[in-house]
């Protein structure tokens, strides 16, 4: 009923036609551009992984001079220098790759209710929320965070004779909670005296609390806990440069330097990278597919409003219209993907193009008139009266 009123209203049709055309063309253009860009990146990454898989050399963690400058694979338990220290809170983490001070502040946050009403509520967050962006910033104000998050990182992490690069260490994020005790409470209180600004310091459940009452938090109160990354068996693929493991420059122009926790073979690590690449590609392809579908649906909807329908399209509000847009989006998405992947693997590209053409088969079902429409056609009855013929004719 709503679609019929829209179609019959000339003013609404004049208003929606340019909007629909712009939206449809814009969505299709953005979707195709992003598909081409992301597929080219995926193909480039696939070439990089294939090159690395062909040249990688599994070695022992005790350095071999013969592999200098080569892409190598090693597995071992890392050794860490010294201990990580947070002097402000008197925390010492022995044999830890990283020590992280986690700081949460009780703050105001907003959300839109039914698109126009703004709801203000309080929450704990480890991210500082800028209350200056609020409409009622004077009433709902978040104070500056007195203590910030900080990460203490080991200067040297070694696998046997090999030193890990800073880039590899930064990628490590398998944090675990680091339990602390209150034996240094009074010293911590003394350290924080210039910062607390008359706020109270509490210790509970292995963490610090800055505020009057932990059971009744107020805006600006802080919760401070600690996490560490402990050494565990790691597998690394990187370039051997003297006693360092560094990024390996491939002929494709990309670099190879990645790790996984646990003792894994080079084949397993490259396979996991391929699986990760595949799922990332699926996400971007699905996003492009949805955008193309919405773009074509907008264009067909404009044609329907203008009462200029495509023969097999029908009304855009019908199931036939949705199905046709889905088929076109699937064909375009798979076709673009297939042609781009032909540059890397002609077989893969041809298979994708063949799959892309398959949905076109279902369009023939869309062209068929429905049996419900045929039921309203008038029945043709055979003529029973034969007209007389003129003599001599």
Protein backbone atom coordinates (compact mmCIF):
# COMPACT_ATOMS: atom_id res chain seq x y z
CA UNK A 1 0.00 0.00 0.00
CA UNK A 2 2.81 2.40 0.91
CA UNK A 3 4.68 1.69 -2.33
CA UNK A 4 1.54 2.41 -4.38
CA UNK A 5 1.03 5.79 -2.67
CA UNK A 6 4.68 6.69 -3.33
CA UNK A 7 4.31 5.74 -6.98
CA UNK A 8 1.12 7.74 -7.46
CA UNK A 9 2.46 10.88 -5.79
CA UNK A 10 4.20 12.93 -8.47
CA UNK A 11 5.88 15.25 -5.96
CA UNK A 12 7.37 12.33 -4.03
CA UNK A 13 8.50 10.71 -7.28
CA UNK A 14 10.25 13.89 -8.41
CA UNK A 15 11.99 14.13 -5.03
CA UNK A 16 13.05 10.48 -4.76
CA UNK A 17 14.22 10.00 -8.36
CA UNK A 18 17.47 12.07 -8.19
CA UNK A 19 18.17 10.78 -4.67
CA UNK A 20 17.75 7.17 -5.77
CA UNK A 21 19.87 7.66 -8.89
CA UNK A 22 22.70 9.31 -6.96
CA UNK A 23 22.58 6.75 -4.15
CA UNK A 24 22.49 3.80 -6.54
CA UNK A 25 25.35 4.99 -8.73
CA UNK A 26 27.41 6.09 -5.70
CA UNK A 27 27.04 2.74 -3.92
CA UNK A 28 27.89 0.77 -7.07
CA UNK A 29 30.94 2.93 -7.80
CA UNK A 30 32.29 2.71 -4.22
CA UNK A 31 31.63 -1.04 -4.06
CA UNK A 32 33.40 -1.80 -7.35
CA UNK A 33 36.34 0.43 -6.46
CA UNK A 34 36.78 -1.18 -3.02
CA UNK A 35 36.42 -4.68 -4.47
CA UNK A 36 39.12 -4.04 -7.05
CA UNK A 37 41.42 -2.42 -4.48
CA UNK A 38 41.00 -5.14 -1.82
CA UNK A 39 41.29 -8.01 -4.29
CA UNK A 40 44.51 -6.57 -5.71
CA UNK A 41 45.89 -6.33 -2.17
CA UNK A 42 44.83 -9.93 -1.47
CA UNK A 43 46.47 -11.19 -4.67
CA UNK A 44 49.63 -9.26 -3.84
CA UNK A 45 49.69 -10.78 -0.35
CA UNK A 46 49.12 -14.26 -1.80
CA UNK A 47 52.10 -13.81 -4.11
CA UNK A 48 54.22 -12.71 -1.14
CA UNK A 49 53.24 -15.79 0.88
CA UNK A 50 53.91 -18.08 -2.07
CA UNK A 51 57.38 -16.61 -2.55
CA UNK A 52 58.18 -16.94 1.14
CA UNK A 53 56.91 -20.51 1.28
CA UNK A 54 59.29 -21.49 -1.53
CA UNK A 55 62.44 -20.00 0.02
CA UNK A 56 62.00 -20.40 3.81
CA UNK A 57 64.67 -22.49 5.57
CA UNK A 58 63.97 -24.22 8.92
CA UNK A 59 67.03 -23.82 11.17
CA UNK A 60 68.10 -24.34 14.75
CA UNK A 61 67.98 -21.37 17.12
CA UNK A 62 71.74 -21.50 17.45
CA UNK A 63 72.91 -19.30 14.60
CA UNK A 64 74.14 -20.79 11.32
CA UNK A 65 76.34 -18.44 9.30
CA UNK A 66 75.42 -20.19 6.04
CA UNK A 67 71.86 -18.78 6.20
CA UNK A 68 72.86 -15.14 6.46
CA UNK A 69 70.31 -12.93 4.66
CA UNK A 70 67.89 -15.83 4.11
CA UNK A 71 64.28 -16.25 5.21
CA UNK A 72 64.45 -18.64 8.16
CA UNK A 73 62.05 -20.43 10.48
CA UNK A 74 62.89 -20.99 14.16
CA UNK A 75 60.99 -22.32 17.20
CA UNK A 76 62.17 -21.93 20.80
CA UNK A 77 61.43 -20.58 24.26
CA UNK A 78 62.36 -16.87 24.44
CA UNK A 79 64.78 -15.50 27.01
CA UNK A 80 64.17 -12.04 28.49
CA UNK A 81 66.62 -9.58 30.00
CA UNK A 82 66.05 -8.35 33.57
CA UNK A 83 62.62 -7.47 34.94
CA UNK A 84 59.88 -5.00 34.04
CA UNK A 85 59.30 -2.31 36.65
CA UNK A 86 56.57 0.24 37.31
CA UNK A 87 58.27 2.43 39.90
CA UNK A 88 55.18 4.55 40.52
CA UNK A 89 53.28 1.51 41.88
CA UNK A 90 56.33 -0.43 43.05
CA UNK A 91 55.54 -3.32 40.68
CA UNK A 92 58.29 -5.73 39.57
CA UNK A 93 57.56 -8.42 36.96
CA UNK A 94 60.45 -10.89 36.66
CA UNK A 95 60.90 -12.78 33.38
CA UNK A 96 58.16 -10.85 31.58
CA UNK A 97 58.29 -9.60 28.00
CA UNK A 98 55.82 -6.79 28.74
CA UNK A 99 54.20 -5.25 31.81
CA UNK A 100 51.11 -3.13 31.19
CA UNK A 101 49.48 -0.72 33.64
CA UNK A 102 45.73 -0.77 32.86
CA UNK A 103 43.85 2.36 33.94
CA UNK A 104 40.05 2.64 33.85
CA UNK A 105 38.16 5.82 34.71
CA UNK A 106 34.52 6.21 35.69
CA UNK A 107 33.11 8.57 33.06
CA UNK A 108 30.06 9.99 31.35
CA UNK A 109 29.09 8.54 27.97
CA UNK A 110 26.25 9.30 25.56
CA UNK A 111 24.01 7.37 23.22
CA UNK A 112 21.32 8.42 20.78
CA UNK A 113 17.83 7.27 21.74
CA UNK A 114 15.39 6.86 18.84
CA UNK A 115 17.63 8.99 16.66
CA UNK A 116 17.07 12.33 18.39
CA UNK A 117 17.09 12.03 22.22
CA UNK A 118 20.52 11.90 23.88
CA UNK A 119 20.90 9.62 26.87
CA UNK A 120 23.76 10.20 29.35
CA UNK A 121 25.03 7.32 31.43
CA UNK A 122 28.09 6.39 33.51
CA UNK A 123 30.56 3.59 32.83
CA UNK A 124 34.10 2.34 33.42
CA UNK A 125 36.32 2.78 30.37
CA UNK A 126 40.05 2.46 29.66
CA UNK A 127 39.63 5.08 26.93
CA UNK A 128 39.32 8.77 27.79
CA UNK A 129 35.92 10.06 26.62
CA UNK A 130 36.02 13.70 25.52
CA UNK A 131 33.02 15.32 27.19
CA UNK A 132 33.64 18.57 25.29
CA UNK A 133 31.82 16.91 22.38
CA UNK A 134 28.65 16.51 24.48
CA UNK A 135 25.68 18.82 23.94
CA UNK A 136 25.47 19.34 27.72
CA UNK A 137 29.22 19.36 28.35
CA UNK A 138 28.99 21.70 31.34
CA UNK A 139 26.55 19.43 33.16
CA UNK A 140 28.11 16.11 32.12
CA UNK A 141 31.84 16.74 32.39
CA UNK A 142 34.65 14.18 32.46
CA UNK A 143 37.71 15.40 34.39
CA UNK A 144 41.29 14.82 33.13
CA UNK A 145 42.69 11.36 33.85
CA UNK A 146 45.22 11.68 36.69
CA UNK A 147 47.13 8.49 35.84
CA UNK A 148 47.50 7.05 32.33
CA UNK A 149 48.13 3.60 30.93
CA UNK A 150 51.76 2.64 30.40
CA UNK A 151 53.58 -0.36 28.91
CA UNK A 152 57.04 -1.46 30.04
CA UNK A 153 58.78 -3.54 27.35
CA UNK A 154 61.88 -5.71 27.52
CA UNK A 155 64.85 -4.27 25.67
CA UNK A 156 66.10 -7.71 24.62
CA UNK A 157 64.11 -10.84 23.78
CA UNK A 158 66.15 -13.71 22.37
CA UNK A 159 65.44 -17.08 20.80
CA UNK A 160 68.67 -18.97 21.25
CA UNK A 161 71.31 -16.80 19.59
CA UNK A 162 68.74 -14.65 17.77
CA UNK A 163 67.53 -11.25 18.90
CA UNK A 164 63.90 -10.39 18.10
CA UNK A 165 63.13 -7.13 16.33
CA UNK A 166 61.20 -4.36 18.05
CA UNK A 167 58.41 -4.83 15.53
CA UNK A 168 57.91 -8.47 16.55
CA UNK A 169 57.89 -7.61 20.24
CA UNK A 170 55.29 -4.88 19.69
CA UNK A 171 52.99 -7.38 17.96
CA UNK A 172 52.88 -9.60 21.06
CA UNK A 173 49.56 -9.05 22.85
CA UNK A 174 48.81 -12.25 24.79
CA UNK A 175 48.38 -10.41 28.08
CA UNK A 176 47.54 -12.20 31.32
CA UNK A 177 46.39 -10.68 34.59
CA UNK A 178 49.30 -10.01 36.94
CA UNK A 179 48.24 -10.42 40.57
CA UNK A 180 49.76 -7.98 43.02
CA UNK A 181 49.81 -7.73 46.83
CA UNK A 182 49.48 -4.74 49.14
CA UNK A 183 52.91 -5.02 50.77
CA UNK A 184 53.98 -1.77 49.09
CA UNK A 185 50.70 0.07 49.73
CA UNK A 186 52.15 2.80 51.93
CA UNK A 187 55.04 3.43 49.57
CA UNK A 188 52.62 3.63 46.61
CA UNK A 189 50.49 6.10 48.54
CA UNK A 190 53.57 8.23 49.12
CA UNK A 191 54.51 8.03 45.43
CA UNK A 192 51.02 9.13 44.38
CA UNK A 193 50.65 11.94 46.91
CA UNK A 194 51.46 14.72 44.37
CA UNK A 195 48.95 13.21 41.92
CA UNK A 196 45.98 12.12 44.06
CA UNK A 197 44.63 15.65 44.66
CA UNK A 198 43.07 14.68 48.04
CA UNK A 199 41.57 11.49 46.61
CA UNK A 200 41.84 8.30 48.65
CA UNK A 201 43.85 5.24 47.59
CA UNK A 202 42.38 1.77 48.19
CA UNK A 203 43.66 -1.74 47.51
CA UNK A 204 41.15 -4.48 46.73
CA UNK A 205 41.01 -7.69 44.64
CA UNK A 206 44.61 -7.35 43.47
CA UNK A 207 44.23 -3.83 42.08
CA UNK A 208 44.29 -0.21 43.20
CA UNK A 209 41.28 2.09 43.44
CA UNK A 210 41.49 5.89 43.56
CA UNK A 211 38.30 7.46 44.92
CA UNK A 212 36.26 7.83 48.10
CA UNK A 213 34.32 4.56 48.01
CA UNK A 214 34.89 1.60 45.64
CA UNK A 215 31.29 0.45 46.25
CA UNK A 216 29.89 3.79 45.08
CA UNK A 217 32.09 5.10 42.25
CA UNK A 218 32.01 8.76 41.29
CA UNK A 219 32.94 10.46 38.02
CA UNK A 220 36.74 10.64 37.81
CA UNK A 221 37.45 7.61 40.04
CA UNK A 222 40.18 5.27 38.77
CA UNK A 223 40.74 1.51 38.79
CA UNK A 224 44.33 0.38 38.19
CA UNK A 225 45.39 -3.19 37.49
CA UNK A 226 48.36 -4.86 35.82
CA UNK A 227 48.89 -7.39 33.03
CA UNK A 228 51.99 -9.15 31.70
CA UNK A 229 53.11 -11.15 28.69
CA UNK A 230 55.07 -14.17 29.85
CA UNK A 231 57.57 -16.02 27.67
CA UNK A 232 56.28 -19.16 25.99
CA UNK A 233 57.39 -21.27 23.05
CA UNK A 234 57.24 -19.24 19.84
CA UNK A 235 57.68 -19.93 16.14
CA UNK A 236 59.04 -17.13 13.98
CA UNK A 237 59.59 -16.64 10.26
CA UNK A 238 61.92 -13.74 9.46
CA UNK A 239 65.20 -12.79 7.84
CA UNK A 240 68.49 -13.73 9.51
CA UNK A 241 70.80 -10.71 9.75
CA UNK A 242 73.83 -11.61 11.85
CA UNK A 243 72.29 -12.39 15.25
CA UNK A 244 69.00 -10.57 14.55
CA UNK A 245 65.66 -11.64 13.10
CA UNK A 246 64.46 -8.85 10.81
CA UNK A 247 61.76 -8.33 8.13
CA UNK A 248 62.47 -10.20 4.86
CA UNK A 249 62.03 -8.16 1.69
CA UNK A 250 60.34 -10.18 -1.08
CA UNK A 251 60.48 -9.62 -4.83
CA UNK A 252 56.80 -8.60 -4.75
CA UNK A 253 57.74 -5.61 -2.60
CA UNK A 254 56.17 -6.79 0.66
CA UNK A 255 57.91 -7.89 3.84
CA UNK A 256 57.62 -11.20 5.67
CA UNK A 257 57.99 -11.22 9.44
CA UNK A 258 55.42 -12.98 11.59
CA UNK A 259 55.19 -15.27 14.59
CA UNK A 260 52.80 -17.64 16.33
CA UNK A 261 52.69 -19.03 19.81
CA UNK A 262 53.62 -22.70 20.13
CA UNK A 263 56.00 -24.99 18.24
CA UNK A 264 54.73 -24.84 14.66
CA UNK A 265 56.30 -25.81 11.36
CA UNK A 266 56.85 -23.30 8.57
CA UNK A 267 54.17 -25.07 6.50
CA UNK A 268 51.62 -24.65 9.30
CA UNK A 269 52.45 -20.99 9.75
CA UNK A 270 52.09 -20.18 6.06
CA UNK A 271 48.85 -22.17 5.94
CA UNK A 272 47.47 -20.14 8.85
CA UNK A 273 48.42 -16.92 7.07
CA UNK A 274 46.54 -18.09 3.97
CA UNK A 275 43.47 -18.93 6.04
CA UNK A 276 43.59 -15.49 7.67
CA UNK A 277 43.92 -13.88 4.23
CA UNK A 278 40.91 -15.86 2.96
CA UNK A 279 38.60 -14.82 5.80
CA UNK A 280 39.65 -11.18 5.52
CA UNK A 281 38.91 -11.32 1.81
CA UNK A 282 35.49 -12.90 2.43
CA UNK A 283 34.57 -10.04 4.75
CA UNK A 284 35.45 -7.36 2.20
CA UNK A 285 33.78 -9.28 -0.64
CA UNK A 286 30.56 -9.63 1.34
CA UNK A 287 30.60 -5.92 2.13
CA UNK A 288 31.03 -5.12 -1.57
CA UNK A 289 28.25 -7.56 -2.49
CA UNK A 290 25.80 -5.85 -0.11
CA UNK A 291 26.70 -2.39 -1.44
CA UNK A 292 26.20 -3.47 -5.07
CA UNK A 293 22.86 -5.05 -4.17
CA UNK A 294 21.66 -1.86 -2.48
CA UNK A 295 22.95 0.25 -5.37
CA UNK A 296 21.07 -1.71 -8.04
CA UNK A 297 17.97 -1.90 -5.88
CA UNK A 298 18.00 1.90 -5.62
CA UNK A 299 18.30 2.21 -9.41
CA UNK A 300 15.50 -0.27 -10.07
CA UNK A 301 13.32 1.43 -7.48
CA UNK A 302 13.72 4.72 -9.35
CA UNK A 303 12.67 3.02 -12.60
CA UNK A 304 9.63 1.57 -10.88
CA UNK A 305 8.63 4.98 -9.49
CA UNK A 306 8.98 6.40 -13.01
CA UNK A 307 6.72 3.55 -14.24
CA UNK A 308 9.49 2.35 -16.55
CA UNK A 309 10.11 -1.17 -15.37
CA UNK A 310 12.54 -3.66 -16.85
CA UNK A 311 10.61 -6.59 -18.45
CA UNK A 312 11.87 -9.28 -16.09
CA UNK A 313 12.22 -6.96 -13.11
CA UNK A 314 8.64 -6.42 -12.06
CA UNK A 315 7.97 -4.19 -9.09
CA UNK A 316 11.04 -3.40 -7.00
CA UNK A 317 8.97 -4.07 -3.89
CA UNK A 318 8.21 -7.63 -5.03
CA UNK A 319 10.31 -10.69 -4.30
CA UNK A 320 11.28 -10.76 -7.98
CA UNK A 321 12.94 -7.36 -7.67
CA UNK A 322 14.95 -8.39 -4.62
CA UNK A 323 15.99 -11.66 -6.25
CA UNK A 324 17.12 -9.95 -9.45
CA UNK A 325 19.26 -7.45 -7.51
CA UNK A 326 20.81 -10.26 -5.48
CA UNK A 327 21.70 -12.20 -8.64
CA UNK A 328 23.23 -9.15 -10.33
CA UNK A 329 25.26 -8.31 -7.20
CA UNK A 330 26.52 -11.89 -6.92
CA UNK A 331 27.50 -12.01 -10.61
CA UNK A 332 29.39 -8.70 -10.49
CA UNK A 333 31.17 -9.51 -7.23
CA UNK A 334 32.37 -12.93 -8.37
CA UNK A 335 33.27 -11.71 -11.87
CA UNK A 336 35.44 -8.86 -10.54
CA UNK A 337 37.10 -11.24 -8.09
CA UNK A 338 37.71 -13.87 -10.77
CA UNK A 339 39.32 -11.53 -13.30
CA UNK A 340 41.66 -10.06 -10.70
CA UNK A 341 42.75 -13.50 -9.42
CA UNK A 342 43.58 -14.62 -12.98
CA UNK A 343 46.77 -12.58 -12.61
CA UNK A 344 47.88 -14.92 -9.80
CA UNK A 345 46.19 -18.20 -10.73
CA UNK A 346 44.38 -18.56 -14.05
CA UNK A 347 42.61 -21.70 -12.84
CA UNK A 348 41.28 -19.97 -9.71
CA UNK A 349 40.17 -16.98 -11.75
CA UNK A 350 38.36 -19.08 -14.37
CA UNK A 351 36.60 -21.10 -11.68
CA UNK A 352 35.37 -17.90 -10.00
CA UNK A 353 34.13 -16.49 -13.33
CA UNK A 354 32.36 -19.78 -14.06
CA UNK A 355 30.70 -19.65 -10.65
CA UNK A 356 29.76 -16.02 -11.34
CA UNK A 357 27.89 -16.99 -14.51
CA UNK A 358 25.90 -19.70 -12.73
CA UNK A 359 23.42 -17.30 -11.02
CA UNK A 360 22.42 -15.99 -14.46
CA UNK A 361 20.66 -19.32 -14.98
CA UNK A 362 18.14 -18.40 -12.29
CA UNK A 363 17.09 -15.26 -14.15
CA UNK A 364 15.05 -17.41 -16.53
CA UNK A 365 12.75 -18.27 -13.65
CA UNK A 366 12.27 -14.58 -13.01
CA UNK A 367 11.10 -14.01 -16.60
CA UNK A 368 8.32 -16.62 -16.36
CA UNK A 369 4.88 -15.17 -15.57
CA UNK A 370 3.45 -16.44 -12.34
CA UNK A 371 0.55 -18.91 -12.41
CA UNK A 372 -1.50 -16.55 -10.25
CA UNK A 373 -1.47 -13.94 -13.04
CA UNK A 374 -2.38 -16.50 -15.68
CA UNK A 375 -5.43 -17.47 -13.65
CA UNK A 376 -7.03 -14.06 -14.30
CA UNK A 377 -6.69 -14.24 -18.10
CA UNK A 378 -10.07 -14.63 -19.88
CA UNK A 379 -10.84 -18.10 -21.16
CA UNK A 380 -11.10 -18.42 -24.95
CA UNK A 381 -14.11 -20.50 -26.07
CA UNK A 382 -14.30 -22.18 -29.49
CA UNK A 383 -16.75 -20.62 -31.99
CA UNK A 384 -19.79 -22.88 -32.56
CA UNK A 385 -21.77 -20.83 -35.11
CA UNK A 386 -20.42 -20.99 -38.62
CA UNK A 387 -21.28 -17.86 -40.63
CA UNK A 388 -23.02 -18.28 -43.97
CA UNK A 389 -21.03 -17.75 -47.11
CA UNK A 390 -22.17 -15.53 -49.95
CA UNK A 391 -23.02 -17.26 -53.18
CA UNK A 392 -20.27 -17.18 -55.68
CA UNK A 393 -17.65 -16.24 -53.17
